[in-house]
Amino acid sequence: MARTKKTAEGGALSGELLPPTPRINLANPECIRQEMARVYREARGKVINTAEASRLVFMLSQIAKAYELSIIEKRLTDLEATTEKRKSR
């Protein structure tokens, strides 16, 4: 799948390709926090603009919330299973 290169204004230049996006480890809250910190440092260092950084950090926070929700759901399921096991004794 080819991606079109964008200009500084966000428009696309036809026929030019963007380099592939590196895979970022977002497997746990610590990895997500580290990625947020990297985005923050890049925004502070003017490597990326603050609007883009804001969008990225928002998406990362949503990923963190989804991760937390999945952990809570698993713990709740485990507690319910333990409770059911104790009731059946």
Protein backbone atom coordinates (compact mmCIF):
# COMPACT_ATOMS: atom_id res chain seq x y z
CA MET A 1 0.00 0.00 0.00
CA ALA A 2 1.65 3.23 -1.13
CA ARG A 3 1.30 6.39 0.89
CA THR A 4 1.47 9.76 -0.75
CA LYS A 5 4.02 12.25 0.54
CA LYS A 6 2.53 15.34 2.18
CA THR A 7 3.64 18.92 1.89
CA ALA A 8 4.25 21.14 4.92
CA GLU A 9 0.68 22.40 4.56
CA GLY A 10 -0.65 18.85 4.73
CA GLY A 11 -1.40 18.49 1.02
CA ALA A 12 -0.23 15.49 -0.94
CA LEU A 13 2.36 15.47 -3.69
CA SER A 14 1.23 12.97 -6.29
CA GLY A 15 3.49 10.04 -7.02
CA GLU A 16 5.86 10.55 -4.08
CA LEU A 17 5.94 7.99 -1.30
CA LEU A 18 6.41 8.43 2.43
CA PRO A 19 8.90 6.17 4.21
CA PRO A 20 7.28 3.37 6.24
CA THR A 21 6.23 4.30 9.76
CA PRO A 22 8.39 2.52 12.34
CA ARG A 23 6.55 0.01 14.54
CA ILE A 24 6.23 1.40 18.06
CA ASN A 25 5.83 -0.91 21.04
CA LEU A 26 2.57 -0.02 22.81
CA ALA A 27 2.21 -3.34 24.66
CA ASN A 28 1.91 -1.92 28.18
CA PRO A 29 1.36 1.36 30.04
CA GLU A 30 5.10 1.96 30.48
CA CYS A 31 5.71 1.73 26.72
CA ILE A 32 2.79 4.07 26.07
CA ARG A 33 4.15 6.54 28.66
CA GLN A 34 7.58 6.42 27.04
CA GLU A 35 6.06 7.14 23.62
CA MET A 36 4.11 10.09 25.07
CA ALA A 37 7.35 11.42 26.56
CA ARG A 38 9.12 11.03 23.19
CA VAL A 39 6.33 12.97 21.44
CA TYR A 40 6.53 15.67 24.13
CA ARG A 41 10.31 16.00 23.69
CA GLU A 42 9.93 16.21 19.92
CA ALA A 43 7.32 18.95 20.28
CA ARG A 44 9.49 20.86 22.76
CA GLY A 45 12.46 20.50 20.40
CA LYS A 46 10.35 21.68 17.46
CA VAL A 47 10.88 18.39 15.60
CA ILE A 48 7.10 18.10 15.21
CA ASN A 49 4.53 20.85 15.57
CA THR A 50 2.46 21.06 18.73
CA ALA A 51 -0.84 20.40 16.94
CA GLU A 52 0.50 17.07 15.65
CA ALA A 53 1.96 16.27 19.07
CA SER A 54 -1.40 17.00 20.69
CA ARG A 55 -3.17 14.62 18.29
CA LEU A 56 -0.59 11.89 18.88
CA VAL A 57 -0.74 12.20 22.67
CA PHE A 58 -4.54 12.11 22.54
CA MET A 59 -4.42 8.87 20.52
CA LEU A 60 -1.84 7.42 22.90
CA SER A 61 -4.03 8.30 25.89
CA GLN A 62 -6.96 6.51 24.24
CA ILE A 63 -4.76 3.44 23.72
CA ALA A 64 -3.74 3.60 27.39
CA LYS A 65 -7.39 3.80 28.46
CA ALA A 66 -8.28 0.80 26.29
CA TYR A 67 -5.37 -1.13 27.78
CA GLU A 68 -6.46 -0.25 31.33
CA LEU A 69 -10.04 -1.26 30.54
CA SER A 70 -8.93 -4.64 29.21
CA ILE A 71 -6.90 -5.26 32.39
CA ILE A 72 -9.84 -4.28 34.61
CA GLU A 73 -12.20 -6.48 32.60
CA LYS A 74 -9.84 -9.46 32.93
CA ARG A 75 -9.50 -8.92 36.68
CA LEU A 76 -13.27 -8.66 37.05
CA THR A 77 -13.76 -11.88 35.07
CA ASP A 78 -11.18 -13.62 37.29
CA LEU A 79 -12.92 -12.35 40.46
CA GLU A 80 -16.30 -13.52 39.18
CA ALA A 81 -14.88 -16.96 38.37
CA THR A 82 -13.34 -17.21 41.85
CA THR A 83 -16.63 -16.17 43.46
CA GLU A 84 -18.57 -18.75 41.45
CA LYS A 85 -16.05 -21.44 42.39
CA ARG A 86 -16.43 -20.61 46.09
CA LYS A 87 -20.24 -20.64 45.85
CA SER A 88 -20.26 -24.10 44.31
CA ARG A 89 -18.28 -25.64 47.22
